[in-house]
N, C-alpha and C. Protein backbone atom coordinates (compact mmCIF):
# COMPACT_ATOMS: atom_id res chain seq x y z
N MET A 1 -10.16 6.99 2.84
CA MET A 1 -9.78 6.65 1.36
C MET A 1 -9.12 5.24 1.65
N ASN A 2 -9.35 4.36 0.74
CA ASN A 2 -8.59 2.99 0.73
C ASN A 2 -7.91 3.01 -0.50
N ILE A 3 -6.50 2.78 -0.29
CA ILE A 3 -5.48 2.89 -1.29
C ILE A 3 -4.94 1.71 -1.61
N TYR A 4 -4.81 1.25 -2.88
CA TYR A 4 -4.01 -0.03 -3.22
C TYR A 4 -2.46 0.49 -3.56
N VAL A 5 -1.67 -0.36 -2.97
CA VAL A 5 -0.12 -0.20 -3.23
C VAL A 5 0.52 -1.52 -3.68
N GLY A 6 0.98 -1.53 -4.91
CA GLY A 6 1.43 -2.45 -5.63
C GLY A 6 3.13 -2.41 -5.99
N ASN A 7 3.63 -3.62 -6.17
CA ASN A 7 4.89 -3.66 -6.52
C ASN A 7 5.90 -3.43 -5.29
N LEU A 8 5.31 -3.72 -4.18
CA LEU A 8 6.19 -3.67 -3.15
C LEU A 8 7.15 -4.62 -2.85
N PRO A 9 8.19 -4.32 -2.29
CA PRO A 9 9.37 -5.53 -1.94
C PRO A 9 8.70 -6.52 -1.21
N TYR A 10 9.07 -7.74 -1.34
CA TYR A 10 8.56 -8.75 -0.51
C TYR A 10 8.84 -8.68 1.02
N THR A 11 9.84 -7.92 1.45
CA THR A 11 10.32 -7.76 2.70
C THR A 11 9.50 -6.72 3.53
N THR A 12 8.56 -5.91 2.87
CA THR A 12 8.02 -4.97 3.43
C THR A 12 6.75 -5.39 4.44
N ASP A 13 6.72 -4.70 5.65
CA ASP A 13 5.57 -5.38 6.51
C ASP A 13 4.66 -4.26 6.76
N THR A 14 3.68 -4.49 7.55
CA THR A 14 2.52 -3.30 7.69
C THR A 14 3.01 -2.25 8.41
N ASP A 15 4.00 -2.25 9.25
CA ASP A 15 4.60 -1.15 9.96
C ASP A 15 5.25 -0.20 8.93
N ALA A 16 6.07 -0.80 8.09
CA ALA A 16 6.91 0.07 7.12
C ALA A 16 5.81 0.66 6.20
N LEU A 17 4.88 0.04 5.83
CA LEU A 17 3.78 0.58 4.85
C LEU A 17 3.17 1.82 5.68
N ARG A 18 2.76 1.49 6.86
CA ARG A 18 2.17 2.68 7.60
C ARG A 18 3.19 3.96 7.49
N ASP A 19 4.33 3.72 7.97
CA ASP A 19 5.38 4.82 7.99
C ASP A 19 5.34 5.45 6.54
N ILE A 20 5.52 4.81 5.47
CA ILE A 20 5.59 5.58 4.13
C ILE A 20 4.40 6.54 4.20
N PHE A 21 3.08 6.03 4.38
CA PHE A 21 2.05 6.95 4.13
C PHE A 21 1.68 7.92 5.10
N SER A 22 2.34 7.80 6.36
CA SER A 22 2.01 8.61 7.36
C SER A 22 2.59 10.10 7.36
N GLU A 23 3.58 10.21 6.27
CA GLU A 23 4.07 11.61 6.00
C GLU A 23 3.01 12.42 5.39
N TYR A 24 1.95 11.88 4.62
CA TYR A 24 1.09 12.59 3.93
C TYR A 24 -0.37 12.73 4.55
N GLY A 25 -0.44 12.03 5.73
CA GLY A 25 -1.70 12.17 6.42
C GLY A 25 -1.98 11.02 7.56
N THR A 26 -3.25 11.16 7.97
CA THR A 26 -3.45 10.15 8.94
C THR A 26 -3.82 8.63 8.50
N VAL A 27 -3.09 7.66 8.95
CA VAL A 27 -3.27 6.24 8.46
C VAL A 27 -4.03 5.63 9.45
N THR A 28 -5.18 5.07 9.07
CA THR A 28 -6.08 4.34 10.05
C THR A 28 -5.80 2.84 10.06
N SER A 29 -5.33 2.36 8.93
CA SER A 29 -4.95 0.93 8.83
C SER A 29 -4.11 0.75 7.78
N SER A 30 -3.02 -0.35 7.76
CA SER A 30 -2.40 -0.76 6.48
C SER A 30 -2.39 -2.43 6.70
N ALA A 31 -2.32 -3.03 5.54
CA ALA A 31 -2.19 -4.38 5.53
C ALA A 31 -1.38 -4.85 4.33
N ILE A 32 -0.69 -5.92 4.47
CA ILE A 32 0.09 -6.54 3.33
C ILE A 32 -0.56 -7.82 3.05
N VAL A 33 -0.83 -8.19 1.89
CA VAL A 33 -1.57 -9.25 1.46
C VAL A 33 -0.57 -10.44 1.28
N ASN A 34 -0.80 -11.52 2.03
CA ASN A 34 0.08 -12.73 2.02
C ASN A 34 -0.54 -13.89 1.36
N ASP A 35 0.36 -14.63 0.75
CA ASP A 35 -0.09 -15.95 -0.08
C ASP A 35 -0.60 -16.87 1.12
N ARG A 36 -1.74 -17.62 0.66
CA ARG A 36 -2.49 -18.38 1.71
C ARG A 36 -1.58 -19.64 2.02
N GLU A 37 -1.03 -20.11 1.03
CA GLU A 37 -0.36 -21.35 1.19
C GLU A 37 1.09 -21.27 2.10
N THR A 38 1.96 -20.22 1.43
CA THR A 38 3.12 -20.05 2.06
C THR A 38 3.35 -19.18 3.15
N GLY A 39 2.34 -17.95 3.18
CA GLY A 39 2.36 -17.01 4.17
C GLY A 39 3.25 -15.92 3.73
N ARG A 40 3.89 -16.00 2.59
CA ARG A 40 4.95 -14.95 2.19
C ARG A 40 4.15 -13.85 1.61
N SER A 41 4.66 -12.70 1.36
CA SER A 41 4.02 -11.31 0.86
C SER A 41 3.89 -11.59 -0.43
N ARG A 42 2.68 -11.20 -1.01
CA ARG A 42 2.38 -11.07 -2.61
C ARG A 42 2.81 -10.04 -3.33
N GLY A 43 3.46 -9.10 -2.47
CA GLY A 43 4.03 -7.91 -3.16
C GLY A 43 3.03 -6.61 -3.37
N PHE A 44 2.00 -6.70 -2.64
CA PHE A 44 1.00 -5.68 -2.63
C PHE A 44 0.20 -5.53 -1.34
N GLY A 45 -0.34 -4.45 -1.18
CA GLY A 45 -1.18 -4.22 0.10
C GLY A 45 -2.15 -2.96 -0.10
N PHE A 46 -2.71 -2.61 1.31
CA PHE A 46 -3.77 -1.80 1.23
C PHE A 46 -3.43 -0.73 2.33
N VAL A 47 -3.77 0.70 2.12
CA VAL A 47 -3.65 1.49 3.38
C VAL A 47 -5.06 2.26 3.41
N GLU A 48 -5.56 2.53 4.49
CA GLU A 48 -6.75 3.20 4.76
C GLU A 48 -6.22 4.55 5.33
N MET A 49 -6.69 5.70 4.75
CA MET A 49 -6.28 7.05 5.22
C MET A 49 -7.48 7.76 5.52
N SER A 50 -7.61 8.63 6.62
CA SER A 50 -8.67 9.40 6.87
C SER A 50 -8.49 10.60 6.25
N ASP A 51 -7.29 11.17 6.04
CA ASP A 51 -6.96 12.30 5.12
C ASP A 51 -5.64 12.21 4.68
N GLY A 52 -5.45 12.98 3.57
CA GLY A 52 -4.19 13.05 2.94
C GLY A 52 -4.00 11.97 1.83
N GLY A 53 -4.98 11.27 1.54
CA GLY A 53 -4.99 10.21 0.56
C GLY A 53 -4.37 10.53 -0.86
N ASP A 54 -5.25 11.60 -1.37
CA ASP A 54 -4.95 12.13 -2.59
C ASP A 54 -3.38 12.56 -2.78
N GLU A 55 -2.98 13.25 -1.88
CA GLU A 55 -1.61 13.80 -1.87
C GLU A 55 -0.66 12.49 -1.86
N ALA A 56 -0.93 11.46 -0.91
CA ALA A 56 -0.05 10.32 -0.91
C ALA A 56 -0.02 9.66 -2.27
N ILE A 57 -1.15 9.48 -3.00
CA ILE A 57 -1.33 8.93 -4.20
C ILE A 57 -0.31 9.50 -5.07
N GLN A 58 -0.28 10.83 -5.34
CA GLN A 58 0.32 11.74 -6.37
C GLN A 58 1.91 11.47 -6.00
N ALA A 59 2.01 11.65 -4.76
CA ALA A 59 3.53 11.56 -4.38
C ALA A 59 4.29 10.24 -4.53
N LEU A 60 3.59 9.27 -4.21
CA LEU A 60 4.12 7.81 -4.25
C LEU A 60 4.04 7.17 -5.51
N ASP A 61 2.92 7.44 -6.23
CA ASP A 61 2.83 6.46 -7.47
C ASP A 61 4.10 6.74 -8.48
N GLY A 62 4.67 5.63 -8.66
CA GLY A 62 5.81 5.60 -9.46
C GLY A 62 7.18 6.00 -8.86
N ALA A 63 7.05 6.14 -7.29
CA ALA A 63 8.27 6.35 -6.39
C ALA A 63 9.17 5.20 -6.31
N ASP A 64 10.41 5.35 -6.15
CA ASP A 64 11.16 4.27 -5.86
C ASP A 64 11.23 3.60 -4.51
N TYR A 65 10.87 2.60 -4.07
CA TYR A 65 10.85 2.07 -2.84
C TYR A 65 11.57 0.71 -2.65
N GLY A 66 12.84 0.61 -2.11
CA GLY A 66 13.36 -0.67 -2.01
C GLY A 66 13.91 -1.20 -3.47
N GLY A 67 14.09 -0.31 -4.22
CA GLY A 67 14.58 -0.73 -5.60
C GLY A 67 13.52 -1.12 -6.47
N ARG A 68 12.22 -0.88 -6.14
CA ARG A 68 11.07 -1.19 -6.93
C ARG A 68 10.27 0.17 -7.02
N ARG A 69 9.59 0.29 -8.16
CA ARG A 69 8.71 1.53 -8.63
C ARG A 69 7.24 1.17 -8.08
N LEU A 70 6.79 1.86 -7.16
CA LEU A 70 5.42 1.76 -6.51
C LEU A 70 4.34 1.90 -7.43
N LYS A 71 3.28 1.25 -7.42
CA LYS A 71 2.02 1.53 -8.13
C LYS A 71 1.05 1.80 -6.96
N VAL A 72 0.42 3.17 -6.95
CA VAL A 72 -0.27 3.43 -5.94
C VAL A 72 -1.45 4.03 -6.49
N ASN A 73 -2.89 3.64 -6.23
CA ASN A 73 -3.94 4.34 -6.70
C ASN A 73 -5.12 3.97 -5.65
N GLU A 74 -6.16 4.72 -5.91
CA GLU A 74 -7.22 4.45 -5.16
C GLU A 74 -7.93 3.02 -5.38
N ALA A 75 -8.08 2.34 -4.23
CA ALA A 75 -8.42 0.82 -4.35
C ALA A 75 -9.95 0.92 -5.02
N ARG A 76 -9.99 -0.08 -5.95
CA ARG A 76 -11.36 -0.60 -6.39
C ARG A 76 -12.09 -1.62 -5.47
N PRO A 77 -13.44 -1.42 -5.55
CA PRO A 77 -14.01 -2.45 -4.92
C PRO A 77 -13.82 -3.69 -5.43
N ARG A 78 -13.75 -4.73 -4.62
CA ARG A 78 -13.55 -6.20 -5.14
C ARG A 78 -14.66 -6.84 -5.73
N GLY A 79 -14.43 -7.22 -6.97
CA GLY A 79 -15.53 -7.99 -7.75
C GLY A 79 -15.87 -9.24 -7.18
N SER A 80 -17.15 -9.66 -7.66
CA SER A 80 -17.50 -11.05 -7.07
C SER A 80 -16.99 -12.17 -7.70
N ARG A 81 -16.69 -13.26 -6.98
CA ARG A 81 -15.89 -14.42 -7.62
C ARG A 81 -16.99 -15.43 -7.88
């Protein structure tokens, strides 16, 4: 399951994102989306889980992390540009 994670603190890295979700199941990959020009985090990322994705979404959507309320849901396919 591919999961969107929004409203992340800008200091969050891929390892921290993996740690947050690994409590709920097996994380196969995690990625923070960075701005192309500055290289800084854009405040959201994606986590791929082989199991436990639904539990993670329910537990973490709206949860406080680093002083911010996370927005967590199943990722939708990217639209064409």
